Amino acid sequence: MFNTVMLVGRLTRDPDIRYTAEGAPVAHITLAVSRPFKSASGEIETDFVQCTLWRKTAENTANYCRKGSIVGVSGRIQTRNYESSDGKKVYVTEVIADSVRFMGGKPRELAEVQP
């Protein structure tokens, strides 16, 4: 059986990095990924995928990427659930990243850097 996912998209916000009680870095990102086809109305739709990054991958992504950065994420899909404070069961589906590849910044930032 396989559980592998590869995505390329833009960060919707700056990476949110925190540390576990044991000191392990963990970052959460949301990746905006366009679908490869248009809807019936002719619009390109976008999925917003939650990703969790651990250790050095989390630190590097938090240090070098910002909202709008283009990144490639490879990893696996994981589901979990918990009970919210109001007693409802909440289900979460996310990508647990094995690696993140930095592919570029926002178009405006790239244009400013080039001579």
Protein backbone atom coordinates (compact mmCIF):
# COMPACT_ATOMS: atom_id res chain seq x y z
CA MET A 1 0.00 0.00 0.00
CA PHE A 2 1.10 3.54 -0.76
CA ASN A 3 0.46 6.83 1.00
CA THR A 4 2.48 9.40 -0.90
CA VAL A 5 1.58 12.92 -1.95
CA MET A 6 3.49 15.59 -3.91
CA LEU A 7 2.17 19.14 -4.11
CA VAL A 8 3.40 22.44 -5.52
CA GLY A 9 1.72 25.65 -4.45
CA ARG A 10 2.00 29.00 -2.70
CA LEU A 11 2.05 29.57 1.04
CA THR A 12 -1.12 31.36 2.14
CA ARG A 13 0.61 32.84 5.20
CA ASP A 14 4.01 32.82 6.89
CA PRO A 15 4.96 29.45 8.41
CA ASP A 16 3.84 29.06 12.03
CA ILE A 17 6.70 27.44 13.95
CA ARG A 18 6.48 26.17 17.52
CA TYR A 19 8.41 23.77 19.69
CA THR A 20 7.20 20.66 21.47
CA ALA A 21 7.81 20.15 25.19
CA GLU A 22 10.84 18.05 24.19
CA GLY A 23 12.19 20.94 22.05
CA ALA A 24 11.39 19.52 18.59
CA PRO A 25 10.48 22.20 16.04
CA VAL A 26 7.11 21.81 14.30
CA ALA A 27 5.70 24.19 11.69
CA HIS A 28 2.27 24.42 10.13
CA ILE A 29 1.70 25.81 6.66
CA THR A 30 -1.27 26.09 4.34
CA LEU A 31 -0.52 25.49 0.67
CA ALA A 32 -2.75 26.96 -2.05
CA VAL A 33 -2.75 24.45 -4.94
CA SER A 34 -4.57 25.19 -8.19
CA ARG A 35 -6.56 22.40 -9.78
CA PRO A 36 -5.42 21.34 -13.27
CA PHE A 37 -8.80 22.07 -14.87
CA LYS A 38 -11.43 24.81 -14.99
CA SER A 39 -14.85 24.65 -13.37
CA ALA A 40 -18.07 24.73 -15.38
CA SER A 41 -18.05 28.53 -15.05
CA GLY A 42 -14.52 28.68 -16.53
CA GLU A 43 -12.69 29.49 -13.31
CA ILE A 44 -9.59 27.75 -12.00
CA GLU A 45 -10.35 26.43 -8.51
CA THR A 46 -7.85 26.18 -5.69
CA ASP A 47 -7.48 23.73 -2.82
CA PHE A 48 -6.00 24.85 0.51
CA VAL A 49 -3.98 22.00 1.99
CA GLN A 50 -2.81 21.93 5.61
CA CYS A 51 0.76 20.64 6.01
CA THR A 52 2.82 19.82 9.11
CA LEU A 53 6.62 20.00 8.99
CA TRP A 54 9.00 18.64 11.61
CA ARG A 55 12.55 19.31 12.80
CA LYS A 56 15.05 20.83 10.33
CA THR A 57 12.43 20.96 7.56
CA ALA A 58 10.25 23.10 9.86
CA GLU A 59 13.11 25.42 10.83
CA ASN A 60 14.38 25.91 7.27
CA THR A 61 10.91 26.60 5.90
CA ALA A 62 10.18 29.12 8.67
CA ASN A 63 13.53 30.85 8.07
CA TYR A 64 13.46 31.04 4.27
CA CYS A 65 9.81 31.12 3.18
CA ARG A 66 7.08 33.71 3.54
CA LYS A 67 3.48 34.19 2.47
CA GLY A 68 3.35 33.80 -1.32
CA SER A 69 6.50 31.65 -1.59
CA ILE A 70 6.22 28.75 -4.03
CA VAL A 71 7.17 25.43 -2.44
CA GLY A 72 7.03 21.76 -3.36
CA VAL A 73 5.97 19.42 -0.55
CA SER A 74 6.31 15.65 -0.54
CA GLY A 75 5.01 13.49 2.26
CA ARG A 76 2.02 11.45 3.36
CA ILE A 77 -1.63 12.11 4.14
CA GLN A 78 -2.65 11.62 7.74
CA THR A 79 -6.04 11.86 9.41
CA ARG A 80 -6.75 12.40 13.07
CA ASN A 81 -9.62 13.48 15.26
CA TYR A 82 -10.21 15.10 18.60
CA GLU A 83 -13.05 16.40 20.71
CA SER A 84 -13.47 20.19 20.69
CA SER A 85 -14.18 22.24 23.80
CA ASP A 86 -17.90 22.19 22.99
CA GLY A 87 -17.93 18.37 22.83
CA LYS A 88 -18.03 17.95 19.03
CA LYS A 89 -15.73 15.51 17.27
CA VAL A 90 -13.38 17.32 14.87
CA TYR A 91 -11.69 15.48 11.98
CA VAL A 92 -8.44 16.76 10.48
CA THR A 93 -6.78 15.65 7.24
CA GLU A 94 -3.27 16.99 6.65
CA VAL A 95 -0.03 16.29 4.83
CA ILE A 96 2.91 15.29 7.05
CA ALA A 97 5.86 16.54 5.01
CA ASP A 98 9.00 14.47 4.48
CA SER A 99 10.64 17.26 2.47
CA VAL A 100 9.99 20.78 1.26
CA ARG A 101 11.65 22.25 -1.82
CA PHE A 102 11.88 26.04 -2.10
CA MET A 103 10.90 27.01 -5.63
CA GLY A 104 10.64 30.79 -5.50
CA GLY A 105 9.17 33.82 -3.83
CA LYS A 106 6.32 36.08 -4.77
CA PRO A 107 6.60 37.43 -8.33
CA ARG A 108 7.08 41.01 -7.02
CA GLU A 109 10.00 39.92 -4.81
CA LEU A 110 11.68 38.06 -7.66
CA ALA A 111 11.40 41.06 -9.95
CA GLU A 112 13.03 43.32 -7.31
CA VAL A 113 16.00 40.95 -6.87
CA GLN A 114 16.84 40.53 -10.56
CA PRO A 115 19.26 43.13 -12.07
